[in-house]
């Protein structure tokens, strides 16, 4: 057995308070597929009336349409 791979020979990492030392949060496999599908679903083109309303409101706030839509998707509410 290779001694470099044994857990008792691995160096200890500094772990901060509140960290559970879990696996990395990078999606892979099923999670990556589900994330990509959900993202595509969220960015589907809405009806023209909704686009016009969002574009008008984005201009009023000094934002681009994409920035405004991203804020809606992130916060779950309108600005």
PDB file of N, CA and C in Angstrom:
ATOM      1  N   UNK A   1       0.846  -1.193   0.000  1.00  0.00           N
ATOM      2  CA  UNK A   1       0.000   0.000   0.000  1.00  0.00           C
ATOM      3  C   UNK A   1       0.884   1.247   0.000  1.00  0.00           C
ATOM      4  N   UNK A   2       0.505   2.212  -0.782  1.00  0.00           N
ATOM      5  CA  UNK A   2       1.266   3.445  -0.899  1.00  0.00           C
ATOM      6  C   UNK A   2       1.041   4.287   0.353  1.00  0.00           C
ATOM      7  N   UNK A   3       2.084   4.625   1.077  1.00  0.00           N
ATOM      8  CA  UNK A   3       1.933   5.368   2.331  1.00  0.00           C
ATOM      9  C   UNK A   3       1.507   6.810   2.102  1.00  0.00           C
ATOM     10  N   UNK A   4       1.675   7.327   0.887  1.00  0.00           N
ATOM     11  CA  UNK A   4       1.265   8.708   0.626  1.00  0.00           C
ATOM     12  C   UNK A   4      -0.253   8.863   0.667  1.00  0.00           C
ATOM     13  N   UNK A   5      -0.997   7.783   0.457  1.00  0.00           N
ATOM     14  CA  UNK A   5      -2.447   7.862   0.385  1.00  0.00           C
ATOM     15  C   UNK A   5      -3.145   7.470   1.686  1.00  0.00           C
ATOM     16  N   UNK A   6      -2.409   7.066   2.669  1.00  0.00           N
ATOM     17  CA  UNK A   6      -3.033   6.671   3.933  1.00  0.00           C
ATOM     18  C   UNK A   6      -3.495   7.917   4.691  1.00  0.00           C
ATOM     19  N   UNK A   7      -4.695   7.884   5.270  1.00  0.00           N
ATOM     20  CA  UNK A   7      -5.221   9.063   5.979  1.00  0.00           C
ATOM     21  C   UNK A   7      -4.349   9.537   7.123  1.00  0.00           C
ATOM     22  N   UNK A   8      -3.683   8.614   7.813  1.00  0.00           N
ATOM     23  CA  UNK A   8      -2.883   9.028   8.960  1.00  0.00           C
ATOM     24  C   UNK A   8      -1.589   9.728   8.555  1.00  0.00           C
ATOM     25  N   UNK A   9      -1.237   9.697   7.263  1.00  0.00           N
ATOM     26  CA  UNK A   9      -0.027  10.378   6.815  1.00  0.00           C
ATOM     27  C   UNK A   9      -0.317  11.702   6.117  1.00  0.00           C
ATOM     28  N   UNK A  10      -1.597  12.013   5.908  1.00  0.00           N
ATOM     29  CA  UNK A  10      -1.957  13.260   5.244  1.00  0.00           C
ATOM     30  C   UNK A  10      -1.816  14.433   6.194  1.00  0.00           C
ATOM     31  N   UNK A  11      -1.354  15.578   5.705  1.00  0.00           N
ATOM     32  CA  UNK A  11      -1.243  16.750   6.593  1.00  0.00           C
ATOM     33  C   UNK A  11      -2.628  17.276   6.970  1.00  0.00           C
ATOM     34  N   UNK A  12      -2.751  17.786   8.174  1.00  0.00           N
ATOM     35  CA  UNK A  12      -4.017  18.348   8.635  1.00  0.00           C
ATOM     36  C   UNK A  12      -4.211  19.732   8.036  1.00  0.00           C
ATOM     37  N   UNK A  13      -5.437  20.021   7.642  1.00  0.00           N
ATOM     38  CA  UNK A  13      -5.749  21.340   7.095  1.00  0.00           C
ATOM     39  C   UNK A  13      -6.252  22.230   8.221  1.00  0.00           C
ATOM     40  N   UNK A  14      -5.998  23.506   8.066  1.00  0.00           N
ATOM     41  CA  UNK A  14      -6.575  24.471   8.987  1.00  0.00           C
ATOM     42  C   UNK A  14      -8.021  24.668   8.585  1.00  0.00           C
ATOM     43  N   UNK A  15      -8.942  24.402   9.474  1.00  0.00           N
ATOM     44  CA  UNK A  15     -10.363  24.551   9.185  1.00  0.00           C
ATOM     45  C   UNK A  15     -10.917  25.604  10.136  1.00  0.00           C
ATOM     46  N   UNK A  16     -11.600  26.578   9.547  1.00  0.00           N
ATOM     47  CA  UNK A  16     -12.129  27.661  10.347  1.00  0.00           C
ATOM     48  C   UNK A  16     -13.396  27.285  11.111  1.00  0.00           C
ATOM     49  N   UNK A  17     -13.789  28.139  12.016  1.00  0.00           N
ATOM     50  CA  UNK A  17     -14.998  27.936  12.804  1.00  0.00           C
ATOM     51  C   UNK A  17     -16.207  27.929  11.877  1.00  0.00           C
ATOM     52  N   UNK A  18     -17.091  26.984  12.077  1.00  0.00           N
ATOM     53  CA  UNK A  18     -18.307  26.899  11.283  1.00  0.00           C
ATOM     54  C   UNK A  18     -18.167  26.058  10.028  1.00  0.00           C
ATOM     55  N   UNK A  19     -16.983  25.559   9.756  1.00  0.00           N
ATOM     56  CA  UNK A  19     -16.785  24.721   8.570  1.00  0.00           C
ATOM     57  C   UNK A  19     -16.985  23.269   8.973  1.00  0.00           C
ATOM     58  N   UNK A  20     -17.784  22.537   8.207  1.00  0.00           N
ATOM     59  CA  UNK A  20     -18.055  21.152   8.571  1.00  0.00           C
ATOM     60  C   UNK A  20     -17.119  20.161   7.892  1.00  0.00           C
ATOM     61  N   UNK A  21     -16.103  20.656   7.186  1.00  0.00           N
ATOM     62  CA  UNK A  21     -15.116  19.814   6.512  1.00  0.00           C
ATOM     63  C   UNK A  21     -15.765  18.868   5.519  1.00  0.00           C
ATOM     64  N   UNK A  22     -16.868  19.278   4.932  1.00  0.00           N
ATOM     65  CA  UNK A  22     -17.568  18.455   3.955  1.00  0.00           C
ATOM     66  C   UNK A  22     -16.907  18.507   2.596  1.00  0.00           C
ATOM     67  N   UNK A  23     -17.509  17.844   1.638  1.00  0.00           N
ATOM     68  CA  UNK A  23     -16.932  17.817   0.296  1.00  0.00           C
ATOM     69  C   UNK A  23     -17.049  19.176  -0.385  1.00  0.00           C
ATOM     70  N   UNK A  24     -16.293  19.407  -1.440  1.00  0.00           N
ATOM     71  CA  UNK A  24     -16.405  20.676  -2.156  1.00  0.00           C
ATOM     72  C   UNK A  24     -17.789  20.830  -2.773  1.00  0.00           C
ATOM     73  N   UNK A  25     -18.215  22.055  -2.987  1.00  0.00           N
ATOM     74  CA  UNK A  25     -19.555  22.315  -3.482  1.00  0.00           C
ATOM     75  C   UNK A  25     -19.638  22.370  -5.001  1.00  0.00           C
ATOM     76  N   UNK A  26     -18.573  22.000  -5.688  1.00  0.00           N
ATOM     77  CA  UNK A  26     -18.593  21.992  -7.152  1.00  0.00           C
ATOM     78  C   UNK A  26     -19.558  20.905  -7.634  1.00  0.00           C
ATOM     79  N   UNK A  27     -20.556  21.277  -8.451  1.00  0.00           N
ATOM     80  CA  UNK A  27     -21.516  20.270  -8.909  1.00  0.00           C
ATOM     81  C   UNK A  27     -20.882  19.281  -9.874  1.00  0.00           C
ATOM     82  N   UNK A  28     -21.346  18.040  -9.820  1.00  0.00           N
ATOM     83  CA  UNK A  28     -20.867  17.018 -10.749  1.00  0.00           C
ATOM     84  C   UNK A  28     -21.981  16.006 -10.971  1.00  0.00           C
ATOM     85  N   UNK A  29     -21.906  15.315 -12.068  1.00  0.00           N
ATOM     86  CA  UNK A  29     -22.869  14.257 -12.348  1.00  0.00           C
ATOM     87  C   UNK A  29     -24.288  14.777 -12.433  1.00  0.00           C
ATOM     88  N   UNK A  30     -25.178  14.161 -11.672  1.00  0.00           N
ATOM     89  CA  UNK A  30     -26.596  14.507 -11.678  1.00  0.00           C
ATOM     90  C   UNK A  30     -26.819  15.960 -11.257  1.00  0.00           C
ATOM     91  N   UNK A  31     -26.082  16.425 -10.264  1.00  0.00           N
ATOM     92  CA  UNK A  31     -26.257  17.795  -9.778  1.00  0.00           C
ATOM     93  C   UNK A  31     -25.918  18.813 -10.864  1.00  0.00           C
ATOM     94  N   UNK A  32     -24.877  18.549 -11.624  1.00  0.00           N
ATOM     95  CA  UNK A  32     -24.500  19.459 -12.714  1.00  0.00           C
ATOM     96  C   UNK A  32     -25.595  19.479 -13.778  1.00  0.00           C
ATOM     97  N   UNK A  33     -26.116  18.306 -14.127  1.00  0.00           N
ATOM     98  CA  UNK A  33     -27.200  18.231 -15.108  1.00  0.00           C
ATOM     99  C   UNK A  33     -28.434  18.995 -14.621  1.00  0.00           C
ATOM    100  N   UNK A  34     -28.816  18.765 -13.376  1.00  0.00           N
ATOM    101  CA  UNK A  34     -30.002  19.428 -12.822  1.00  0.00           C
ATOM    102  C   UNK A  34     -29.802  20.939 -12.754  1.00  0.00           C
ATOM    103  N   UNK A  35     -28.598  21.370 -12.383  1.00  0.00           N
ATOM    104  CA  UNK A  35     -28.318  22.806 -12.296  1.00  0.00           C
ATOM    105  C   UNK A  35     -28.413  23.454 -13.669  1.00  0.00           C
ATOM    106  N   UNK A  36     -27.814  22.821 -14.689  1.00  0.00           N
ATOM    107  CA  UNK A  36     -27.859  23.381 -16.043  1.00  0.00           C
ATOM    108  C   UNK A  36     -29.292  23.449 -16.557  1.00  0.00           C
ATOM    109  N   UNK A  37     -30.074  22.419 -16.270  1.00  0.00           N
ATOM    110  CA  UNK A  37     -31.457  22.401 -16.730  1.00  0.00           C
ATOM    111  C   UNK A  37     -32.282  23.491 -16.032  1.00  0.00           C
ATOM    112  N   UNK A  38     -32.088  23.650 -14.723  1.00  0.00           N
ATOM    113  CA  UNK A  38     -32.814  24.678 -13.983  1.00  0.00           C
ATOM    114  C   UNK A  38     -32.410  26.076 -14.459  1.00  0.00           C
ATOM    115  N   UNK A  39     -31.134  26.269 -14.760  1.00  0.00           N
ATOM    116  CA  UNK A  39     -30.673  27.569 -15.250  1.00  0.00           C
ATOM    117  C   UNK A  39     -31.292  27.881 -16.605  1.00  0.00           C
ATOM    118  N   UNK A  40     -31.322  26.897 -17.475  1.00  0.00           N
ATOM    119  CA  UNK A  40     -31.933  27.104 -18.790  1.00  0.00           C
ATOM    120  C   UNK A  40     -33.421  27.410 -18.651  1.00  0.00           C
ATOM    121  N   UNK A  41     -34.083  26.741 -17.732  1.00  0.00           N
ATOM    122  CA  UNK A  41     -35.513  26.971 -17.498  1.00  0.00           C
ATOM    123  C   UNK A  41     -35.754  28.385 -16.958  1.00  0.00           C
ATOM    124  N   UNK A  42     -34.872  28.847 -16.074  1.00  0.00           N
ATOM    125  CA  UNK A  42     -35.030  30.175 -15.481  1.00  0.00           C
ATOM    126  C   UNK A  42     -34.810  31.280 -16.510  1.00  0.00           C
ATOM    127  N   UNK A  43     -33.923  31.050 -17.486  1.00  0.00           N
ATOM    128  CA  UNK A  43     -33.598  32.075 -18.468  1.00  0.00           C
ATOM    129  C   UNK A  43     -34.390  31.939 -19.765  1.00  0.00           C
ATOM    130  N   UNK A  44     -35.429  31.089 -19.759  1.00  0.00           N
ATOM    131  CA  UNK A  44     -36.266  30.991 -20.956  1.00  0.00           C
ATOM    132  C   UNK A  44     -36.902  32.341 -21.239  1.00  0.00           C
ATOM    133  N   UNK A  45     -37.169  32.606 -22.503  1.00  0.00           N
ATOM    134  CA  UNK A  45     -37.742  33.893 -22.886  1.00  0.00           C
ATOM    135  C   UNK A  45     -39.177  34.022 -22.384  1.00  0.00           C
ATOM    136  N   UNK A  46     -39.450  35.063 -21.598  1.00  0.00           N
ATOM    137  CA  UNK A  46     -40.814  35.299 -21.134  1.00  0.00           C
ATOM    138  C   UNK A  46     -41.637  35.954 -22.243  1.00  0.00           C
ATOM    139  N   UNK A  47     -42.932  36.114 -22.035  1.00  0.00           N
ATOM    140  CA  UNK A  47     -43.769  36.796 -23.031  1.00  0.00           C
ATOM    141  C   UNK A  47     -43.284  38.228 -23.290  1.00  0.00           C
ATOM    142  N   UNK A  48     -43.602  38.745 -24.459  1.00  0.00           N
ATOM    143  CA  UNK A  48     -43.128  40.065 -24.888  1.00  0.00           C
ATOM    144  C   UNK A  48     -43.552  41.149 -23.902  1.00  0.00           C
ATOM    145  N   UNK A  49     -44.754  41.076 -23.368  1.00  0.00           N
ATOM    146  CA  UNK A  49     -45.224  42.100 -22.426  1.00  0.00           C
ATOM    147  C   UNK A  49     -44.349  42.144 -21.182  1.00  0.00           C
ATOM    148  N   UNK A  50     -43.930  40.974 -20.711  1.00  0.00           N
ATOM    149  CA  UNK A  50     -43.077  40.908 -19.524  1.00  0.00           C
ATOM    150  C   UNK A  50     -41.708  41.509 -19.836  1.00  0.00           C
ATOM    151  N   UNK A  51     -41.170  41.212 -21.006  1.00  0.00           N
ATOM    152  CA  UNK A  51     -39.869  41.759 -21.407  1.00  0.00           C
ATOM    153  C   UNK A  51     -39.944  43.278 -21.473  1.00  0.00           C
ATOM    154  N   UNK A  52     -40.988  43.794 -22.067  1.00  0.00           N
ATOM    155  CA  UNK A  52     -41.133  45.251 -22.166  1.00  0.00           C
ATOM    156  C   UNK A  52     -41.233  45.902 -20.789  1.00  0.00           C
ATOM    157  N   UNK A  53     -42.015  45.310 -19.906  1.00  0.00           N
ATOM    158  CA  UNK A  53     -42.176  45.859 -18.560  1.00  0.00           C
ATOM    159  C   UNK A  53     -40.844  45.830 -17.804  1.00  0.00           C
ATOM    160  N   UNK A  54     -40.116  44.713 -17.904  1.00  0.00           N
ATOM    161  CA  UNK A  54     -38.828  44.608 -17.222  1.00  0.00           C
ATOM    162  C   UNK A  54     -37.813  45.585 -17.806  1.00  0.00           C
ATOM    163  N   UNK A  55     -37.799  45.720 -19.122  1.00  0.00           N
ATOM    164  CA  UNK A  55     -36.851  46.639 -19.764  1.00  0.00           C
ATOM    165  C   UNK A  55     -37.124  48.079 -19.338  1.00  0.00           C
ATOM    166  N   UNK A  56     -38.400  48.447 -19.273  1.00  0.00           N
ATOM    167  CA  UNK A  56     -38.762  49.802 -18.855  1.00  0.00           C
ATOM    168  C   UNK A  56     -38.325  50.056 -17.415  1.00  0.00           C
ATOM    169  N   UNK A  57     -38.599  49.095 -16.539  1.00  0.00           N
ATOM    170  CA  UNK A  57     -38.229  49.244 -15.128  1.00  0.00           C
ATOM    171  C   UNK A  57     -36.707  49.261 -14.966  1.00  0.00           C
ATOM    172  N   UNK A  58     -36.003  48.447 -15.750  1.00  0.00           N
ATOM    173  CA  UNK A  58     -34.538  48.422 -15.687  1.00  0.00           C
ATOM    174  C   UNK A  58     -33.965  49.772 -16.090  1.00  0.00           C
ATOM    175  N   UNK A  59     -34.520  50.382 -17.150  1.00  0.00           N
ATOM    176  CA  UNK A  59     -34.057  51.711 -17.565  1.00  0.00           C
ATOM    177  C   UNK A  59     -34.293  52.734 -16.459  1.00  0.00           C
ATOM    178  N   UNK A  60     -35.454  52.656 -15.802  1.00  0.00           N
ATOM    179  CA  UNK A  60     -35.750  53.591 -14.713  1.00  0.00           C
ATOM    180  C   UNK A  60     -34.738  53.466 -13.576  1.00  0.00           C
ATOM    181  N   UNK A  61     -34.259  52.247 -13.345  1.00  0.00           N
ATOM    182  CA  UNK A  61     -33.308  52.014 -12.256  1.00  0.00           C
ATOM    183  C   UNK A  61     -31.854  52.170 -12.692  1.00  0.00           C
ATOM    184  N   UNK A  62     -31.629  52.415 -13.994  1.00  0.00           N
ATOM    185  CA  UNK A  62     -30.269  52.575 -14.502  1.00  0.00           C
ATOM    186  C   UNK A  62     -29.530  51.260 -14.650  1.00  0.00           C
ATOM    187  N   UNK A  63     -30.266  50.192 -14.921  1.00  0.00           N
ATOM    188  CA  UNK A  63     -29.672  48.865 -15.077  1.00  0.00           C
ATOM    189  C   UNK A  63     -29.948  48.351 -16.480  1.00  0.00           C
ATOM    190  N   UNK A  64     -29.238  47.288 -16.842  1.00  0.00           N
ATOM    191  CA  UNK A  64     -29.556  46.616 -18.100  1.00  0.00           C
ATOM    192  C   UNK A  64     -30.683  45.622 -17.828  1.00  0.00           C
ATOM    193  N   UNK A  65     -31.312  45.163 -18.903  1.00  0.00           N
ATOM    194  CA  UNK A  65     -32.391  44.176 -18.765  1.00  0.00           C
ATOM    195  C   UNK A  65     -31.872  42.908 -18.095  1.00  0.00           C
ATOM    196  N   UNK A  66     -30.676  42.468 -18.503  1.00  0.00           N
ATOM    197  CA  UNK A  66     -30.123  41.232 -17.948  1.00  0.00           C
ATOM    198  C   UNK A  66     -29.815  41.383 -16.461  1.00  0.00           C
ATOM    199  N   UNK A  67     -29.264  42.521 -16.053  1.00  0.00           N
ATOM    200  CA  UNK A  67     -28.982  42.754 -14.637  1.00  0.00           C
ATOM    201  C   UNK A  67     -30.278  42.748 -13.826  1.00  0.00           C
ATOM    202  N   UNK A  68     -31.295  43.404 -14.348  1.00  0.00           N
ATOM    203  CA  UNK A  68     -32.578  43.480 -13.645  1.00  0.00           C
ATOM    204  C   UNK A  68     -33.203  42.090 -13.516  1.00  0.00           C
ATOM    205  N   UNK A  69     -33.189  41.322 -14.601  1.00  0.00           N
ATOM    206  CA  UNK A  69     -33.754  39.974 -14.567  1.00  0.00           C
ATOM    207  C   UNK A  69     -32.980  39.094 -13.597  1.00  0.00           C
ATOM    208  N   UNK A  70     -31.666  39.219 -13.571  1.00  0.00           N
ATOM    209  CA  UNK A  70     -30.853  38.446 -12.640  1.00  0.00           C
ATOM    210  C   UNK A  70     -31.211  38.784 -11.199  1.00  0.00           C
ATOM    211  N   UNK A  71     -31.434  40.044 -10.910  1.00  0.00           N
ATOM    212  CA  UNK A  71     -31.846  40.432  -9.554  1.00  0.00           C
ATOM    213  C   UNK A  71     -33.188  39.797  -9.184  1.00  0.00           C
ATOM    214  N   UNK A  72     -34.107  39.768 -10.116  1.00  0.00           N
ATOM    215  CA  UNK A  72     -35.421  39.138  -9.857  1.00  0.00           C
ATOM    216  C   UNK A  72     -35.228  37.661  -9.565  1.00  0.00           C
ATOM    217  N   UNK A  73     -34.400  36.980 -10.362  1.00  0.00           N
ATOM    218  CA  UNK A  73     -34.180  35.556 -10.165  1.00  0.00           C
ATOM    219  C   UNK A  73     -33.450  35.254  -8.859  1.00  0.00           C
ATOM    220  N   UNK A  74     -32.478  36.106  -8.484  1.00  0.00           N
ATOM    221  CA  UNK A  74     -31.727  35.879  -7.258  1.00  0.00           C
ATOM    222  C   UNK A  74     -32.561  36.131  -6.015  1.00  0.00           C
ATOM    223  N   UNK A  75     -33.323  37.222  -6.015  1.00  0.00           N
ATOM    224  CA  UNK A  75     -34.052  37.632  -4.811  1.00  0.00           C
ATOM    225  C   UNK A  75     -35.445  37.029  -4.717  1.00  0.00           C
ATOM    226  N   UNK A  76     -36.002  36.664  -5.863  1.00  0.00           N
ATOM    227  CA  UNK A  76     -37.349  36.102  -5.847  1.00  0.00           C
ATOM    228  C   UNK A  76     -38.436  37.152  -5.694  1.00  0.00           C
ATOM    229  N   UNK A  77     -38.068  38.420  -5.853  1.00  0.00           N
ATOM    230  CA  UNK A  77     -39.045  39.503  -5.774  1.00  0.00           C
ATOM    231  C   UNK A  77     -38.591  40.649  -6.665  1.00  0.00           C
ATOM    232  N   UNK A  78     -39.501  41.531  -6.955  1.00  0.00           N
ATOM    233  CA  UNK A  78     -39.187  42.657  -7.830  1.00  0.00           C
ATOM    234  C   UNK A  78     -38.555  43.781  -7.035  1.00  0.00           C
ATOM    235  N   UNK A  79     -37.674  44.546  -7.675  1.00  0.00           N
ATOM    236  CA  UNK A  79     -36.995  45.665  -6.998  1.00  0.00           C
ATOM    237  C   UNK A  79     -37.922  46.849  -6.859  1.00  0.00           C
TER     238      UNK A  79
END
